[in-house]
Amino acid sequence: MKLVDSHSHLFLEEFAEDLPQVIERARQAGVTHIFMPNIDSTTLAPLLQVCTDYAGYCFPMIGLHPTSVNKDYQAELDIVERHLNQSHPFVAIGEIGMDLYWDQTYKKEQREVLDRQLHWALKYDLPAIIHCRAAFEEIFDVMEAYQNTALRGIFHCFAGTEEDARRVLAFPNFLFGINGVVTFKKSTLPEILRKLPLERMVLETDSPYLAPVPHRGRRNESAFVKDTMLKLAEILNESPESVAQTTTENALKLFRIPR
């Protein structure tokens, strides 16, 4: 059974002491590819180092995370654009989006940064990995201009309403990123996912965050994507093999990685 972790931050300091063991546990769990979103310029070097050390297994993205948008956002965007304008290993623009949960100080700038990076995703023909927290309305407002384009990507850590899901479905080249949240006792996500096609879903961990049950409260890691897969299979009344195969194919097709 092959699995893909479409969103994992294994380059962060939480994994500095035991990354080889974390990677080996992922392999043992059936994970064949791990896709790694960037955060900002401070994480580029460790991200690229991990993807070099585990070439062909770990794949890097580049982008400016919304919580890293501040008064220096233009300099950060210049770094992203400079990398995109030269030969590069990046398989996606991400993670990008808007996050208005804790702080709305740079709300206007977050919108501008999102729009700029969506433009690059189209220009460089790369998927966009969207981070959305307390900002669905604002993100859809920005994305409206891209409705009839070839823009593709993932709504990472989807935890929206049924209406939000319908609006994502209106973008035919976008997938839902499903992670450990779906296993949480109070999650309303299962009833929404039952109404969505498996062909529009991918699995992710968001390691080291959001560990699924039965690992909740611990550091998350890519091997735990299997627990999310098993829960999703239960929710959809599908076989684990079918869910693993379909979500894996969905992810590799989106990132254009040969099977």
Protein backbone atom coordinates (compact mmCIF):
# COMPACT_ATOMS: atom_id res chain seq x y z
CA MET A 1 0.00 0.00 0.00
CA LYS A 2 1.51 3.32 -1.12
CA LEU A 3 0.84 6.63 0.59
CA VAL A 4 1.81 10.25 -0.05
CA ASP A 5 2.25 12.92 2.60
CA SER A 6 1.39 16.02 0.59
CA HIS A 7 2.25 18.52 3.34
CA SER A 8 4.97 18.02 5.96
CA HIS A 9 7.52 20.29 7.65
CA LEU A 10 10.20 17.72 8.48
CA PHE A 11 12.90 20.37 8.03
CA LEU A 12 11.91 22.17 11.25
CA GLU A 13 13.97 21.95 14.43
CA GLU A 14 11.47 19.53 15.98
CA PHE A 15 13.08 16.84 13.79
CA ALA A 16 16.71 17.89 14.16
CA GLU A 17 17.61 15.02 16.50
CA ASP A 18 16.02 12.05 14.75
CA LEU A 19 15.13 12.86 11.14
CA PRO A 20 16.65 9.63 9.72
CA GLN A 21 14.45 7.58 12.05
CA VAL A 22 11.40 9.69 11.15
CA ILE A 23 12.05 9.10 7.45
CA GLU A 24 12.53 5.37 8.01
CA ARG A 25 9.24 5.10 9.93
CA ALA A 26 7.52 6.88 7.05
CA ARG A 27 8.97 4.39 4.56
CA GLN A 28 7.87 1.50 6.76
CA ALA A 29 4.33 2.94 6.84
CA GLY A 30 4.23 2.90 3.04
CA VAL A 31 4.91 6.60 2.40
CA THR A 32 6.60 6.93 -1.01
CA HIS A 33 6.73 10.75 -1.36
CA ILE A 34 6.80 13.65 1.11
CA PHE A 35 6.06 17.18 -0.12
CA MET A 36 7.45 20.04 1.96
CA PRO A 37 6.02 23.57 1.96
CA ASN A 38 8.26 26.50 2.78
CA ILE A 39 7.45 29.15 5.39
CA ASP A 40 9.73 32.11 4.63
CA SER A 41 13.37 32.94 3.83
CA THR A 42 14.58 31.62 7.20
CA THR A 43 13.40 28.09 6.40
CA LEU A 44 14.64 27.83 2.81
CA ALA A 45 18.12 26.53 3.66
CA PRO A 46 16.99 23.71 6.00
CA LEU A 47 14.15 22.82 3.62
CA LEU A 48 16.50 22.47 0.67
CA GLN A 49 19.04 20.54 2.74
CA VAL A 50 16.50 17.90 3.74
CA CYS A 51 15.26 17.61 0.16
CA THR A 52 18.86 17.20 -1.03
CA ASP A 53 19.62 14.59 1.62
CA TYR A 54 16.47 12.66 0.67
CA ALA A 55 16.31 13.48 -3.05
CA GLY A 56 13.55 11.66 -4.87
CA TYR A 57 11.69 11.14 -1.60
CA CYS A 58 11.27 14.67 -0.21
CA PHE A 59 10.20 17.47 -2.57
CA PRO A 60 10.44 21.23 -1.82
CA MET A 61 7.98 24.05 -2.37
CA ILE A 62 8.66 27.77 -2.15
CA GLY A 63 6.40 30.54 -0.92
CA LEU A 64 5.71 33.08 1.81
CA HIS A 65 3.41 31.81 4.56
CA PRO A 66 0.71 34.33 5.57
CA THR A 67 1.80 34.43 9.21
CA SER A 68 5.25 35.55 7.99
CA VAL A 69 3.77 38.56 6.16
CA ASN A 70 4.95 41.72 7.92
CA LYS A 71 6.45 45.10 7.01
CA ASP A 72 9.29 43.30 5.20
CA TYR A 73 6.99 41.27 2.95
CA GLN A 74 8.28 42.82 -0.26
CA ALA A 75 11.85 41.68 0.45
CA GLU A 76 10.53 38.18 1.19
CA LEU A 77 8.60 38.09 -2.09
CA ASP A 78 11.70 39.24 -3.96
CA ILE A 79 13.56 36.19 -2.64
CA VAL A 80 10.79 33.86 -3.81
CA GLU A 81 10.67 35.46 -7.24
CA ARG A 82 14.44 35.34 -7.61
CA HIS A 83 14.41 31.58 -7.02
CA LEU A 84 11.55 31.06 -9.46
CA ASN A 85 13.36 33.01 -12.17
CA GLN A 86 16.28 30.62 -12.20
CA SER A 87 16.67 26.87 -12.45
CA HIS A 88 15.08 25.48 -9.30
CA PRO A 89 13.86 22.24 -7.68
CA PHE A 90 10.51 23.53 -6.41
CA VAL A 91 7.37 21.54 -7.24
CA ALA A 92 4.80 24.04 -5.93
CA ILE A 93 4.18 27.56 -4.63
CA GLY A 94 3.48 27.13 -0.95
CA GLU A 95 2.45 27.43 1.48
CA ILE A 96 0.57 30.61 0.77
CA GLY A 97 -2.83 32.00 1.72
CA MET A 98 -4.34 34.07 4.51
CA ASP A 99 -4.47 33.60 8.27
CA LEU A 100 -6.65 36.01 10.23
CA TYR A 101 -7.10 33.85 13.33
CA TRP A 102 -4.63 35.52 15.69
CA ASP A 103 -3.76 38.81 14.03
CA GLN A 104 -5.28 40.97 11.28
CA THR A 105 -2.63 43.70 11.34
CA TYR A 106 -1.39 42.84 7.87
CA LYS A 107 -4.70 41.73 6.36
CA LYS A 108 -4.34 44.00 3.32
CA GLU A 109 -0.76 42.88 2.77
CA GLN A 110 -1.75 39.21 3.11
CA ARG A 111 -4.26 39.67 0.29
CA GLU A 112 -1.62 41.29 -1.90
CA VAL A 113 0.94 38.58 -1.14
CA LEU A 114 -1.56 35.83 -1.89
CA ASP A 115 -2.56 37.38 -5.21
CA ARG A 116 1.06 37.85 -6.25
CA GLN A 117 1.92 34.24 -5.48
CA LEU A 118 -1.18 32.88 -7.23
CA HIS A 119 -0.02 34.81 -10.27
CA TRP A 120 3.36 33.08 -10.03
CA ALA A 121 1.70 29.69 -9.69
CA LEU A 122 -0.01 30.33 -13.02
CA LYS A 123 3.04 31.90 -14.65
CA TYR A 124 5.39 29.05 -13.69
CA ASP A 125 2.74 26.33 -14.04
CA LEU A 126 3.07 25.13 -10.44
CA PRO A 127 0.33 24.12 -8.00
CA ALA A 128 -0.56 26.57 -5.22
CA ILE A 129 -0.81 25.22 -1.68
CA ILE A 130 -3.38 27.33 0.17
CA HIS A 131 -3.29 27.92 3.92
CA CYS A 132 -6.64 29.23 5.13
CA ARG A 133 -7.48 30.06 8.72
CA ALA A 134 -10.46 32.26 9.54
CA ALA A 135 -10.15 33.68 6.03
CA PHE A 136 -12.25 31.68 3.56
CA GLU A 137 -14.24 34.71 2.42
CA GLU A 138 -11.13 36.80 1.88
CA ILE A 139 -9.30 34.02 0.04
CA PHE A 140 -12.20 33.29 -2.30
CA ASP A 141 -12.43 37.00 -2.99
CA VAL A 142 -8.80 37.00 -4.15
CA MET A 143 -9.19 33.72 -6.06
CA GLU A 144 -12.27 34.89 -7.98
CA ALA A 145 -10.02 36.41 -10.64
CA TYR A 146 -8.51 32.95 -11.24
CA GLN A 147 -11.83 31.10 -11.60
CA ASN A 148 -11.48 30.38 -15.31
CA THR A 149 -7.74 29.76 -15.44
CA ALA A 150 -5.56 26.64 -15.27
CA LEU A 151 -4.64 27.39 -11.65
CA ARG A 152 -4.35 24.18 -9.65
CA GLY A 153 -3.50 23.30 -6.08
CA ILE A 154 -4.57 22.11 -2.64
CA PHE A 155 -6.65 23.70 0.10
CA HIS A 156 -4.30 22.49 2.82
CA CYS A 157 -5.81 21.31 6.11
CA PHE A 158 -9.34 21.82 4.85
CA ALA A 159 -11.64 22.48 7.80
CA GLY A 160 -14.32 24.65 6.26
CA THR A 161 -18.08 24.39 6.03
CA GLU A 162 -20.16 22.60 3.42
CA GLU A 163 -20.54 25.92 1.62
CA ASP A 164 -16.77 26.44 1.67
CA ALA A 165 -16.36 22.96 0.20
CA ARG A 166 -18.77 23.81 -2.62
CA ARG A 167 -16.75 26.91 -3.42
CA VAL A 168 -13.55 24.87 -3.55
CA LEU A 169 -15.25 22.37 -5.88
CA ALA A 170 -15.96 25.26 -8.26
CA PHE A 171 -12.21 25.34 -8.91
CA PRO A 172 -11.91 22.04 -10.81
CA ASN A 173 -8.14 21.76 -10.43
CA PHE A 174 -8.09 22.13 -6.64
CA LEU A 175 -7.96 19.32 -4.11
CA PHE A 176 -8.83 19.07 -0.41
CA GLY A 177 -5.91 18.38 1.93
CA ILE A 178 -7.09 15.97 4.63
CA ASN A 179 -5.02 15.52 7.80
CA GLY A 180 -5.31 14.56 11.46
CA VAL A 181 -8.14 17.03 12.11
CA VAL A 182 -10.53 14.50 10.57
CA THR A 183 -9.78 12.08 13.44
CA PHE A 184 -10.57 14.58 16.22
CA LYS A 185 -13.63 13.74 18.31
CA LYS A 186 -15.40 17.08 17.83
CA SER A 187 -14.54 17.50 14.15
CA THR A 188 -17.48 18.20 11.84
CA LEU A 189 -15.34 17.33 8.84
CA PRO A 190 -16.49 13.68 8.44
CA GLU A 191 -20.07 14.63 7.55
CA ILE A 192 -18.79 17.13 4.95
CA LEU A 193 -16.29 14.70 3.41
CA ARG A 194 -19.01 12.11 2.84
CA LYS A 195 -20.49 14.52 0.28
CA LEU A 196 -17.21 15.07 -1.59
CA PRO A 197 -15.54 12.90 -4.24
CA LEU A 198 -12.45 10.98 -3.17
CA GLU A 199 -10.92 12.03 -6.50
CA ARG A 200 -10.63 15.54 -5.07
CA MET A 201 -8.76 14.58 -1.88
CA VAL A 202 -5.13 14.13 -0.86
CA LEU A 203 -3.64 13.06 2.46
CA GLU A 204 -1.27 15.19 4.54
CA THR A 205 0.13 15.43 8.05
CA ASP A 206 1.26 19.06 8.52
CA SER A 207 4.01 17.58 10.69
CA PRO A 208 4.97 18.39 13.39
CA TYR A 209 1.46 19.76 14.01
CA LEU A 210 -2.04 18.23 14.24
CA ALA A 211 -1.12 14.63 15.02
CA PRO A 212 -4.08 12.31 14.38
CA VAL A 213 -5.73 10.08 16.94
CA PRO A 214 -4.25 7.88 18.46
CA HIS A 215 -1.14 10.10 18.48
CA ARG A 216 -2.87 13.36 19.41
CA GLY A 217 -0.78 15.50 21.73
CA ARG A 218 2.48 14.12 20.35
CA ARG A 219 4.76 15.47 17.65
CA ASN A 220 3.22 14.58 14.32
CA GLU A 221 5.31 12.83 11.65
CA SER A 222 4.80 11.54 8.13
CA ALA A 223 4.25 7.91 9.15
CA PHE A 224 1.03 9.00 10.87
CA VAL A 225 -0.56 9.81 7.50
CA LYS A 226 -1.61 6.16 7.56
CA ASP A 227 -3.90 6.84 10.55
CA THR A 228 -5.61 9.64 8.64
CA MET A 229 -6.01 7.35 5.63
CA LEU A 230 -7.66 4.65 7.77
CA LYS A 231 -10.07 7.18 9.29
CA LEU A 232 -10.94 8.57 5.86
CA ALA A 233 -11.62 5.05 4.57
CA GLU A 234 -13.98 4.50 7.51
CA ILE A 235 -15.79 7.79 6.88
CA LEU A 236 -16.25 7.14 3.17
CA ASN A 237 -17.02 3.44 3.63
CA GLU A 238 -14.19 2.62 1.22
CA SER A 239 -11.38 0.11 1.51
CA PRO A 240 -8.05 1.43 2.86
CA GLU A 241 -6.40 0.18 -0.34
CA SER A 242 -8.77 2.25 -2.49
CA VAL A 243 -8.30 5.41 -0.42
CA ALA A 244 -4.52 4.99 -0.40
CA GLN A 245 -4.34 4.40 -4.15
CA THR A 246 -6.68 7.24 -5.14
CA THR A 247 -5.17 9.88 -2.86
CA THR A 248 -1.66 8.87 -3.91
CA GLU A 249 -2.55 9.15 -7.59
CA ASN A 250 -4.25 12.50 -6.96
CA ALA A 251 -1.15 13.93 -5.27
CA LEU A 252 1.38 12.69 -7.82
CA LYS A 253 -0.75 13.93 -10.70
CA LEU A 254 -1.10 17.38 -9.12
CA PHE A 255 2.65 17.72 -8.46
CA ARG A 256 3.45 16.08 -11.82
CA ILE A 257 5.70 13.47 -10.29
CA PRO A 258 6.08 10.28 -12.36
CA ARG A 259 4.45 7.29 -10.69
